Amino acid sequence: MRSINEISGIIGGIFLLLGINILVFVIVVFLSVFTTATPILGIPILCIGLFQFLYVIPISFSLRRQQRWGLMKGVIIGAVLTALLNGGCWLLILSVSR
């Protein structure tokens, strides 16, 4: 029974990070449209794999402190998947542009 709870926690952590990534994307796009800092705010959109560590590390520490191991593992797995997907997209963009 414990492994089912951990698996559901991992899946929940992945979806938690997906939701946070979408929220950050919407906030950055909103701010870049309605402010004059468009070049500065465009950086997190392009480098979400690196930028997400600003909020993934505190969330992981908080979940570790609460001993919610499944959710913490899910957040970390989601962060790694996001970084790998971002890196793959950059490789595709750079290979096509040459």
PDB file of N, CA and C in Angstrom:
ATOM      1  N   MET A   1       0.818  -1.195   0.000  1.00  0.00           N
ATOM      2  CA  MET A   1       0.000   0.000   0.000  1.00  0.00           C
ATOM      3  C   MET A   1       0.863   1.261   0.000  1.00  0.00           C
ATOM      4  N   ARG A   2       2.011   1.191   0.619  1.00  0.00           N
ATOM      5  CA  ARG A   2       2.871   2.348   0.688  1.00  0.00           C
ATOM      6  C   ARG A   2       3.411   2.734  -0.684  1.00  0.00           C
ATOM      7  N   SER A   3       3.714   1.747  -1.527  1.00  0.00           N
ATOM      8  CA  SER A   3       4.257   2.065  -2.845  1.00  0.00           C
ATOM      9  C   SER A   3       3.217   2.750  -3.726  1.00  0.00           C
ATOM     10  N   ILE A   4       1.940   2.435  -3.551  1.00  0.00           N
ATOM     11  CA  ILE A   4       0.891   3.107  -4.316  1.00  0.00           C
ATOM     12  C   ILE A   4       0.828   4.578  -3.919  1.00  0.00           C
ATOM     13  N   ASN A   5       0.971   4.873  -2.629  1.00  0.00           N
ATOM     14  CA  ASN A   5       0.968   6.263  -2.178  1.00  0.00           C
ATOM     15  C   ASN A   5       2.175   7.015  -2.714  1.00  0.00           C
ATOM     16  N   GLU A   6       3.317   6.331  -2.765  1.00  0.00           N
ATOM     17  CA  GLU A   6       4.514   7.000  -3.271  1.00  0.00           C
ATOM     18  C   GLU A   6       4.400   7.256  -4.768  1.00  0.00           C
ATOM     19  N   ILE A   7       3.856   6.303  -5.509  1.00  0.00           N
ATOM     20  CA  ILE A   7       3.679   6.499  -6.950  1.00  0.00           C
ATOM     21  C   ILE A   7       2.703   7.640  -7.221  1.00  0.00           C
ATOM     22  N   SER A   8       1.619   7.696  -6.458  1.00  0.00           N
ATOM     23  CA  SER A   8       0.681   8.804  -6.645  1.00  0.00           C
ATOM     24  C   SER A   8       1.317  10.134  -6.235  1.00  0.00           C
ATOM     25  N   GLY A   9       2.198  10.115  -5.252  1.00  0.00           N
ATOM     26  CA  GLY A   9       2.923  11.321  -4.874  1.00  0.00           C
ATOM     27  C   GLY A   9       3.883  11.769  -5.957  1.00  0.00           C
ATOM     28  N   ILE A  10       4.559  10.815  -6.596  1.00  0.00           N
ATOM     29  CA  ILE A  10       5.480  11.151  -7.682  1.00  0.00           C
ATOM     30  C   ILE A  10       4.718  11.755  -8.855  1.00  0.00           C
ATOM     31  N   ILE A  11       3.607  11.139  -9.224  1.00  0.00           N
ATOM     32  CA  ILE A  11       2.799  11.676 -10.323  1.00  0.00           C
ATOM     33  C   ILE A  11       2.254  13.055  -9.947  1.00  0.00           C
ATOM     34  N   GLY A  12       1.832  13.205  -8.705  1.00  0.00           N
ATOM     35  CA  GLY A  12       1.362  14.511  -8.242  1.00  0.00           C
ATOM     36  C   GLY A  12       2.461  15.560  -8.277  1.00  0.00           C
ATOM     37  N   GLY A  13       3.684  15.170  -7.933  1.00  0.00           N
ATOM     38  CA  GLY A  13       4.809  16.103  -7.979  1.00  0.00           C
ATOM     39  C   GLY A  13       5.144  16.539  -9.387  1.00  0.00           C
ATOM     40  N   ILE A  14       5.049  15.604 -10.340  1.00  0.00           N
ATOM     41  CA  ILE A  14       5.298  15.960 -11.740  1.00  0.00           C
ATOM     42  C   ILE A  14       4.249  16.958 -12.218  1.00  0.00           C
ATOM     43  N   PHE A  15       2.977  16.705 -11.876  1.00  0.00           N
ATOM     44  CA  PHE A  15       1.920  17.634 -12.284  1.00  0.00           C
ATOM     45  C   PHE A  15       2.007  18.955 -11.526  1.00  0.00           C
ATOM     46  N   LEU A  16       2.479  18.924 -10.283  1.00  0.00           N
ATOM     47  CA  LEU A  16       2.685  20.164  -9.535  1.00  0.00           C
ATOM     48  C   LEU A  16       3.716  21.033 -10.236  1.00  0.00           C
ATOM     49  N   LEU A  17       4.826  20.437 -10.642  1.00  0.00           N
ATOM     50  CA  LEU A  17       5.853  21.207 -11.334  1.00  0.00           C
ATOM     51  C   LEU A  17       5.376  21.663 -12.706  1.00  0.00           C
ATOM     52  N   LEU A  18       4.606  20.837 -13.391  1.00  0.00           N
ATOM     53  CA  LEU A  18       4.053  21.244 -14.679  1.00  0.00           C
ATOM     54  C   LEU A  18       3.155  22.462 -14.507  1.00  0.00           C
ATOM     55  N   GLY A  19       2.328  22.450 -13.484  1.00  0.00           N
ATOM     56  CA  GLY A  19       1.468  23.600 -13.214  1.00  0.00           C
ATOM     57  C   GLY A  19       2.255  24.850 -12.872  1.00  0.00           C
ATOM     58  N   ILE A  20       3.311  24.690 -12.079  1.00  0.00           N
ATOM     59  CA  ILE A  20       4.147  25.846 -11.722  1.00  0.00           C
ATOM     60  C   ILE A  20       4.867  26.374 -12.955  1.00  0.00           C
ATOM     61  N   ASN A  21       5.370  25.468 -13.817  1.00  0.00           N
ATOM     62  CA  ASN A  21       6.020  25.911 -15.051  1.00  0.00           C
ATOM     63  C   ASN A  21       5.051  26.695 -15.931  1.00  0.00           C
ATOM     64  N   ILE A  22       3.829  26.220 -16.044  1.00  0.00           N
ATOM     65  CA  ILE A  22       2.825  26.937 -16.850  1.00  0.00           C
ATOM     66  C   ILE A  22       2.515  28.292 -16.222  1.00  0.00           C
ATOM     67  N   LEU A  23       2.382  28.332 -14.892  1.00  0.00           N
ATOM     68  CA  LEU A  23       2.114  29.586 -14.199  1.00  0.00           C
ATOM     69  C   LEU A  23       3.244  30.586 -14.401  1.00  0.00           C
ATOM     70  N   VAL A  24       4.483  30.143 -14.289  1.00  0.00           N
ATOM     71  CA  VAL A  24       5.628  31.033 -14.501  1.00  0.00           C
ATOM     72  C   VAL A  24       5.648  31.528 -15.942  1.00  0.00           C
ATOM     73  N   PHE A  25       5.370  30.636 -16.888  1.00  0.00           N
ATOM     74  CA  PHE A  25       5.334  31.031 -18.296  1.00  0.00           C
ATOM     75  C   PHE A  25       4.278  32.108 -18.536  1.00  0.00           C
ATOM     76  N   VAL A  26       3.090  31.910 -17.970  1.00  0.00           N
ATOM     77  CA  VAL A  26       2.009  32.889 -18.155  1.00  0.00           C
ATOM     78  C   VAL A  26       2.379  34.227 -17.509  1.00  0.00           C
ATOM     79  N   ILE A  27       2.967  34.193 -16.335  1.00  0.00           N
ATOM     80  CA  ILE A  27       3.358  35.432 -15.654  1.00  0.00           C
ATOM     81  C   ILE A  27       4.425  36.174 -16.453  1.00  0.00           C
ATOM     82  N   VAL A  28       5.427  35.437 -16.948  1.00  0.00           N
ATOM     83  CA  VAL A  28       6.502  36.084 -17.705  1.00  0.00           C
ATOM     84  C   VAL A  28       5.970  36.655 -19.015  1.00  0.00           C
ATOM     85  N   VAL A  29       5.111  35.925 -19.690  1.00  0.00           N
ATOM     86  CA  VAL A  29       4.530  36.440 -20.935  1.00  0.00           C
ATOM     87  C   VAL A  29       3.667  37.661 -20.644  1.00  0.00           C
ATOM     88  N   PHE A  30       2.868  37.603 -19.593  1.00  0.00           N
ATOM     89  CA  PHE A  30       2.028  38.744 -19.214  1.00  0.00           C
ATOM     90  C   PHE A  30       2.879  39.967 -18.909  1.00  0.00           C
ATOM     91  N   LEU A  31       3.950  39.772 -18.134  1.00  0.00           N
ATOM     92  CA  LEU A  31       4.808  40.901 -17.789  1.00  0.00           C
ATOM     93  C   LEU A  31       5.556  41.441 -18.999  1.00  0.00           C
ATOM     94  N   SER A  32       5.959  40.561 -19.902  1.00  0.00           N
ATOM     95  CA  SER A  32       6.702  41.035 -21.069  1.00  0.00           C
ATOM     96  C   SER A  32       5.800  41.776 -22.048  1.00  0.00           C
ATOM     97  N   VAL A  33       4.514  41.452 -22.059  1.00  0.00           N
ATOM     98  CA  VAL A  33       3.592  42.153 -22.950  1.00  0.00           C
ATOM     99  C   VAL A  33       3.258  43.535 -22.396  1.00  0.00           C
ATOM    100  N   PHE A  34       3.087  43.635 -21.085  1.00  0.00           N
ATOM    101  CA  PHE A  34       2.618  44.886 -20.489  1.00  0.00           C
ATOM    102  C   PHE A  34       3.714  45.725 -19.837  1.00  0.00           C
ATOM    103  N   THR A  35       4.970  45.369 -20.040  1.00  0.00           N
ATOM    104  CA  THR A  35       6.056  46.209 -19.529  1.00  0.00           C
ATOM    105  C   THR A  35       7.044  46.470 -20.647  1.00  0.00           C
ATOM    106  N   THR A  36       8.006  47.332 -20.367  1.00  0.00           N
ATOM    107  CA  THR A  36       9.029  47.644 -21.367  1.00  0.00           C
ATOM    108  C   THR A  36      10.264  46.762 -21.215  1.00  0.00           C
ATOM    109  N   ALA A  37      10.243  45.825 -20.289  1.00  0.00           N
ATOM    110  CA  ALA A  37      11.403  44.967 -20.031  1.00  0.00           C
ATOM    111  C   ALA A  37      11.324  43.668 -20.820  1.00  0.00           C
ATOM    112  N   THR A  38      10.856  43.723 -22.045  1.00  0.00           N
ATOM    113  CA  THR A  38      10.658  42.528 -22.855  1.00  0.00           C
ATOM    114  C   THR A  38      11.946  41.733 -23.071  1.00  0.00           C
ATOM    115  N   PRO A  39      13.089  42.361 -23.401  1.00  0.00           N
ATOM    116  CA  PRO A  39      14.295  41.544 -23.595  1.00  0.00           C
ATOM    117  C   PRO A  39      14.743  40.820 -22.325  1.00  0.00           C
ATOM    118  N   ILE A  40      14.571  41.452 -21.192  1.00  0.00           N
ATOM    119  CA  ILE A  40      14.990  40.829 -19.932  1.00  0.00           C
ATOM    120  C   ILE A  40      14.045  39.701 -19.548  1.00  0.00           C
ATOM    121  N   LEU A  41      12.749  39.898 -19.740  1.00  0.00           N
ATOM    122  CA  LEU A  41      11.767  38.893 -19.361  1.00  0.00           C
ATOM    123  C   LEU A  41      11.683  37.745 -20.358  1.00  0.00           C
ATOM    124  N   GLY A  42      12.246  37.904 -21.538  1.00  0.00           N
ATOM    125  CA  GLY A  42      12.248  36.820 -22.510  1.00  0.00           C
ATOM    126  C   GLY A  42      13.237  35.728 -22.179  1.00  0.00           C
ATOM    127  N   ILE A  43      14.210  36.028 -21.351  1.00  0.00           N
ATOM    128  CA  ILE A  43      15.239  35.043 -20.998  1.00  0.00           C
ATOM    129  C   ILE A  43      14.657  33.844 -20.260  1.00  0.00           C
ATOM    130  N   PRO A  44      13.772  34.012 -19.259  1.00  0.00           N
ATOM    131  CA  PRO A  44      13.220  32.825 -18.590  1.00  0.00           C
ATOM    132  C   PRO A  44      12.410  31.926 -19.514  1.00  0.00           C
ATOM    133  N   ILE A  45      11.771  32.498 -20.514  1.00  0.00           N
ATOM    134  CA  ILE A  45      11.006  31.673 -21.447  1.00  0.00           C
ATOM    135  C   ILE A  45      11.953  30.803 -22.261  1.00  0.00           C
ATOM    136  N   LEU A  46      13.053  31.376 -22.708  1.00  0.00           N
ATOM    137  CA  LEU A  46      13.990  30.635 -23.536  1.00  0.00           C
ATOM    138  C   LEU A  46      14.801  29.619 -22.740  1.00  0.00           C
ATOM    139  N   CYS A  47      15.039  29.895 -21.474  1.00  0.00           N
ATOM    140  CA  CYS A  47      15.892  29.033 -20.659  1.00  0.00           C
ATOM    141  C   CYS A  47      15.126  28.497 -19.454  1.00  0.00           C
ATOM    142  N   ILE A  48      13.920  27.998 -19.670  1.00  0.00           N
ATOM    143  CA  ILE A  48      13.092  27.532 -18.556  1.00  0.00           C
ATOM    144  C   ILE A  48      13.770  26.384 -17.813  1.00  0.00           C
ATOM    145  N   GLY A  49      14.561  25.579 -18.514  1.00  0.00           N
ATOM    146  CA  GLY A  49      15.258  24.477 -17.865  1.00  0.00           C
ATOM    147  C   GLY A  49      16.236  24.946 -16.801  1.00  0.00           C
ATOM    148  N   LEU A  50      16.888  26.078 -17.059  1.00  0.00           N
ATOM    149  CA  LEU A  50      17.817  26.627 -16.075  1.00  0.00           C
ATOM    150  C   LEU A  50      17.103  27.528 -15.075  1.00  0.00           C
ATOM    151  N   PHE A  51      16.140  28.301 -15.547  1.00  0.00           N
ATOM    152  CA  PHE A  51      15.437  29.255 -14.700  1.00  0.00           C
ATOM    153  C   PHE A  51      14.597  28.570 -13.625  1.00  0.00           C
ATOM    154  N   GLN A  52      14.126  27.350 -13.905  1.00  0.00           N
ATOM    155  CA  GLN A  52      13.251  26.666 -12.961  1.00  0.00           C
ATOM    156  C   GLN A  52      13.960  26.292 -11.659  1.00  0.00           C
ATOM    157  N   PHE A  53      15.286  26.252 -11.670  1.00  0.00           N
ATOM    158  CA  PHE A  53      15.986  25.918 -10.437  1.00  0.00           C
ATOM    159  C   PHE A  53      15.814  26.986  -9.364  1.00  0.00           C
ATOM    160  N   LEU A  54      15.393  28.185  -9.760  1.00  0.00           N
ATOM    161  CA  LEU A  54      15.120  29.223  -8.770  1.00  0.00           C
ATOM    162  C   LEU A  54      13.920  28.884  -7.900  1.00  0.00           C
ATOM    163  N   TYR A  55      13.002  28.065  -8.419  1.00  0.00           N
ATOM    164  CA  TYR A  55      11.849  27.689  -7.607  1.00  0.00           C
ATOM    165  C   TYR A  55      11.774  26.199  -7.319  1.00  0.00           C
ATOM    166  N   VAL A  56      12.516  25.372  -8.025  1.00  0.00           N
ATOM    167  CA  VAL A  56      12.482  23.937  -7.755  1.00  0.00           C
ATOM    168  C   VAL A  56      13.250  23.595  -6.480  1.00  0.00           C
ATOM    169  N   ILE A  57      14.389  24.221  -6.282  1.00  0.00           N
ATOM    170  CA  ILE A  57      15.200  23.922  -5.096  1.00  0.00           C
ATOM    171  C   ILE A  57      14.460  24.292  -3.805  1.00  0.00           C
ATOM    172  N   PRO A  58      13.868  25.493  -3.676  1.00  0.00           N
ATOM    173  CA  PRO A  58      13.112  25.784  -2.444  1.00  0.00           C
ATOM    174  C   PRO A  58      11.906  24.867  -2.240  1.00  0.00           C
ATOM    175  N   ILE A  59      11.217  24.513  -3.336  1.00  0.00           N
ATOM    176  CA  ILE A  59      10.072  23.604  -3.207  1.00  0.00           C
ATOM    177  C   ILE A  59      10.549  22.239  -2.731  1.00  0.00           C
ATOM    178  N   SER A  60      11.671  21.763  -3.273  1.00  0.00           N
ATOM    179  CA  SER A  60      12.204  20.456  -2.862  1.00  0.00           C
ATOM    180  C   SER A  60      12.605  20.456  -1.391  1.00  0.00           C
ATOM    181  N   PHE A  61      13.249  21.528  -0.953  1.00  0.00           N
ATOM    182  CA  PHE A  61      13.632  21.605   0.458  1.00  0.00           C
ATOM    183  C   PHE A  61      12.410  21.662   1.366  1.00  0.00           C
ATOM    184  N   SER A  62      11.392  22.392   0.918  1.00  0.00           N
ATOM    185  CA  SER A  62      10.173  22.483   1.709  1.00  0.00           C
ATOM    186  C   SER A  62       9.482  21.121   1.803  1.00  0.00           C
ATOM    187  N   LEU A  63       9.398  20.404   0.695  1.00  0.00           N
ATOM    188  CA  LEU A  63       8.778  19.076   0.717  1.00  0.00           C
ATOM    189  C   LEU A  63       9.605  18.093   1.532  1.00  0.00           C
ATOM    190  N   ARG A  64      10.919  18.243   1.497  1.00  0.00           N
ATOM    191  CA  ARG A  64      11.788  17.379   2.308  1.00  0.00           C
ATOM    192  C   ARG A  64      11.569  17.637   3.794  1.00  0.00           C
ATOM    193  N   ARG A  65      11.413  18.907   4.146  1.00  0.00           N
ATOM    194  CA  ARG A  65      11.162  19.260   5.543  1.00  0.00           C
ATOM    195  C   ARG A  65       9.829  18.695   6.022  1.00  0.00           C
ATOM    196  N   GLN A  66       8.845  18.647   5.117  1.00  0.00           N
ATOM    197  CA  GLN A  66       7.528  18.102   5.455  1.00  0.00           C
ATOM    198  C   GLN A  66       7.485  16.580   5.338  1.00  0.00           C
ATOM    199  N   GLN A  67       8.577  15.988   4.906  1.00  0.00           N
ATOM    200  CA  GLN A  67       8.721  14.534   4.701  1.00  0.00           C
ATOM    201  C   GLN A  67       7.684  13.994   3.722  1.00  0.00           C
ATOM    202  N   ARG A  68       7.470  14.720   2.653  1.00  0.00           N
ATOM    203  CA  ARG A  68       6.592  14.279   1.567  1.00  0.00           C
ATOM    204  C   ARG A  68       7.490  13.808   0.428  1.00  0.00           C
ATOM    205  N   TRP A  69       8.032  12.614   0.610  1.00  0.00           N
ATOM    206  CA  TRP A  69       9.081  12.097  -0.259  1.00  0.00           C
ATOM    207  C   TRP A  69       8.596  11.852  -1.680  1.00  0.00           C
ATOM    208  N   GLY A  70       7.403  11.341  -1.847  1.00  0.00           N
ATOM    209  CA  GLY A  70       6.880  11.071  -3.179  1.00  0.00           C
ATOM    210  C   GLY A  70       6.724  12.340  -3.998  1.00  0.00           C
ATOM    211  N   LEU A  71       6.158  13.365  -3.390  1.00  0.00           N
ATOM    212  CA  LEU A  71       5.990  14.640  -4.083  1.00  0.00           C
ATOM    213  C   LEU A  71       7.337  15.257  -4.414  1.00  0.00           C
ATOM    214  N   MET A  72       8.305  15.145  -3.493  1.00  0.00           N
ATOM    215  CA  MET A  72       9.640  15.689  -3.736  1.00  0.00           C
ATOM    216  C   MET A  72      10.293  14.982  -4.915  1.00  0.00           C
ATOM    217  N   LYS A  73      10.172  13.654  -4.961  1.00  0.00           N
ATOM    218  CA  LYS A  73      10.740  12.908  -6.088  1.00  0.00           C
ATOM    219  C   LYS A  73      10.069  13.302  -7.393  1.00  0.00           C
ATOM    220  N   GLY A  74       8.768  13.505  -7.372  1.00  0.00           N
ATOM    221  CA  GLY A  74       8.051  13.918  -8.570  1.00  0.00           C
ATOM    222  C   GLY A  74       8.475  15.287  -9.064  1.00  0.00           C
ATOM    223  N   VAL A  75       8.691  16.215  -8.136  1.00  0.00           N
ATOM    224  CA  VAL A  75       9.141  17.551  -8.518  1.00  0.00           C
ATOM    225  C   VAL A  75      10.525  17.472  -9.154  1.00  0.00           C
ATOM    226  N   ILE A  76      11.398  16.662  -8.584  1.00  0.00           N
ATOM    227  CA  ILE A  76      12.751  16.525  -9.137  1.00  0.00           C
ATOM    228  C   ILE A  76      12.706  15.854 -10.506  1.00  0.00           C
ATOM    229  N   ILE A  77      11.895  14.812 -10.649  1.00  0.00           N
ATOM    230  CA  ILE A  77      11.763  14.144 -11.948  1.00  0.00           C
ATOM    231  C   ILE A  77      11.200  15.110 -12.983  1.00  0.00           C
ATOM    232  N   GLY A  78      10.195  15.892 -12.599  1.00  0.00           N
ATOM    233  CA  GLY A  78       9.630  16.878 -13.512  1.00  0.00           C
ATOM    234  C   GLY A  78      10.643  17.935 -13.926  1.00  0.00           C
ATOM    235  N   ALA A  79      11.496  18.354 -12.980  1.00  0.00           N
ATOM    236  CA  ALA A  79      12.521  19.349 -13.296  1.00  0.00           C
ATOM    237  C   ALA A  79      13.539  18.779 -14.280  1.00  0.00           C
ATOM    238  N   VAL A  80      13.921  17.539 -14.074  1.00  0.00           N
ATOM    239  CA  VAL A  80      14.883  16.905 -14.992  1.00  0.00           C
ATOM    240  C   VAL A  80      14.261  16.741 -16.381  1.00  0.00           C
ATOM    241  N   LEU A  81      12.999  16.314 -16.431  1.00  0.00           N
ATOM    242  CA  LEU A  81      12.330  16.169 -17.726  1.00  0.00           C
ATOM    243  C   LEU A  81      12.207  17.511 -18.446  1.00  0.00           C
ATOM    244  N   THR A  82      11.886  18.564 -17.708  1.00  0.00           N
ATOM    245  CA  THR A  82      11.784  19.887 -18.308  1.00  0.00           C
ATOM    246  C   THR A  82      13.133  20.344 -18.848  1.00  0.00           C
ATOM    247  N   ALA A  83      14.196  20.130 -18.075  1.00  0.00           N
ATOM    248  CA  ALA A  83      15.525  20.540 -18.527  1.00  0.00           C
ATOM    249  C   ALA A  83      15.958  19.738 -19.758  1.00  0.00           C
ATOM    250  N   LEU A  84      15.671  18.438 -19.779  1.00  0.00           N
ATOM    251  CA  LEU A  84      16.034  17.628 -20.943  1.00  0.00           C
ATOM    252  C   LEU A  84      15.228  18.033 -22.172  1.00  0.00           C
ATOM    253  N   LEU A  85      13.953  18.298 -21.995  1.00  0.00           N
ATOM    254  CA  LEU A  85      13.118  18.735 -23.115  1.00  0.00           C
ATOM    255  C   LEU A  85      13.587  20.088 -23.636  1.00  0.00           C
ATOM    256  N   ASN A  86      13.927  20.992 -22.737  1.00  0.00           N
ATOM    257  CA  ASN A  86      14.434  22.296 -23.135  1.00  0.00           C
ATOM    258  C   ASN A  86      15.755  22.156 -23.891  1.00  0.00           C
ATOM    259  N   GLY A  87      16.637  21.307 -23.393  1.00  0.00           N
ATOM    260  CA  GLY A  87      17.915  21.090 -24.076  1.00  0.00           C
ATOM    261  C   GLY A  87      17.731  20.472 -25.451  1.00  0.00           C
ATOM    262  N   GLY A  88      16.807  19.527 -25.557  1.00  0.00           N
ATOM    263  CA  GLY A  88      16.530  18.918 -26.854  1.00  0.00           C
ATOM    264  C   GLY A  88      15.970  19.915 -27.849  1.00  0.00           C
ATOM    265  N   CYS A  89      15.094  20.787 -27.374  1.00  0.00           N
ATOM    266  CA  CYS A  89      14.534  21.817 -28.255  1.00  0.00           C
ATOM    267  C   CYS A  89      15.614  22.785 -28.716  1.00  0.00           C
ATOM    268  N   TRP A  90      16.523  23.153 -27.813  1.00  0.00           N
ATOM    269  CA  TRP A  90      17.617  24.042 -28.206  1.00  0.00           C
ATOM    270  C   TRP A  90      18.525  23.376 -29.229  1.00  0.00           C
ATOM    271  N   LEU A  91      18.803  22.082 -29.057  1.00  0.00           N
ATOM    272  CA  LEU A  91      19.629  21.378 -30.040  1.00  0.00           C
ATOM    273  C   LEU A  91      18.943  21.346 -31.402  1.00  0.00           C
ATOM    274  N   LEU A  92      17.646  21.136 -31.403  1.00  0.00           N
ATOM    275  CA  LEU A  92      16.896  21.130 -32.660  1.00  0.00           C
ATOM    276  C   LEU A  92      16.917  22.510 -33.318  1.00  0.00           C
ATOM    277  N   ILE A  93      16.713  23.545 -32.548  1.00  0.00           N
ATOM    278  CA  ILE A  93      16.724  24.912 -33.083  1.00  0.00           C
ATOM    279  C   ILE A  93      18.089  25.261 -33.640  1.00  0.00           C
ATOM    280  N   LEU A  94      19.142  24.926 -32.902  1.00  0.00           N
ATOM    281  CA  LEU A  94      20.491  25.264 -33.349  1.00  0.00           C
ATOM    282  C   LEU A  94      20.921  24.453 -34.561  1.00  0.00           C
ATOM    283  N   SER A  95      20.451  23.211 -34.676  1.00  0.00           N
ATOM    284  CA  SER A  95      20.834  22.400 -35.831  1.00  0.00           C
ATOM    285  C   SER A  95      20.105  22.843 -37.094  1.00  0.00           C
ATOM    286  N   VAL A  96      18.886  23.332 -36.961  1.00  0.00           N
ATOM    287  CA  VAL A  96      18.126  23.799 -38.124  1.00  0.00           C
ATOM    288  C   VAL A  96      18.634  25.152 -38.601  1.00  0.00           C
ATOM    289  N   SER A  97      19.095  25.983 -37.690  1.00  0.00           N
ATOM    290  CA  SER A  97      19.512  27.336 -38.059  1.00  0.00           C
ATOM    291  C   SER A  97      20.839  27.354 -38.796  1.00  0.00           C
ATOM    292  N   ARG A  98      21.570  26.283 -38.828  1.00  0.00           N
ATOM    293  CA  ARG A  98      22.875  26.278 -39.523  1.00  0.00           C
ATOM    294  C   ARG A  98      22.735  25.964 -40.944  1.00  0.00           C
TER     295      ARG A  98
END
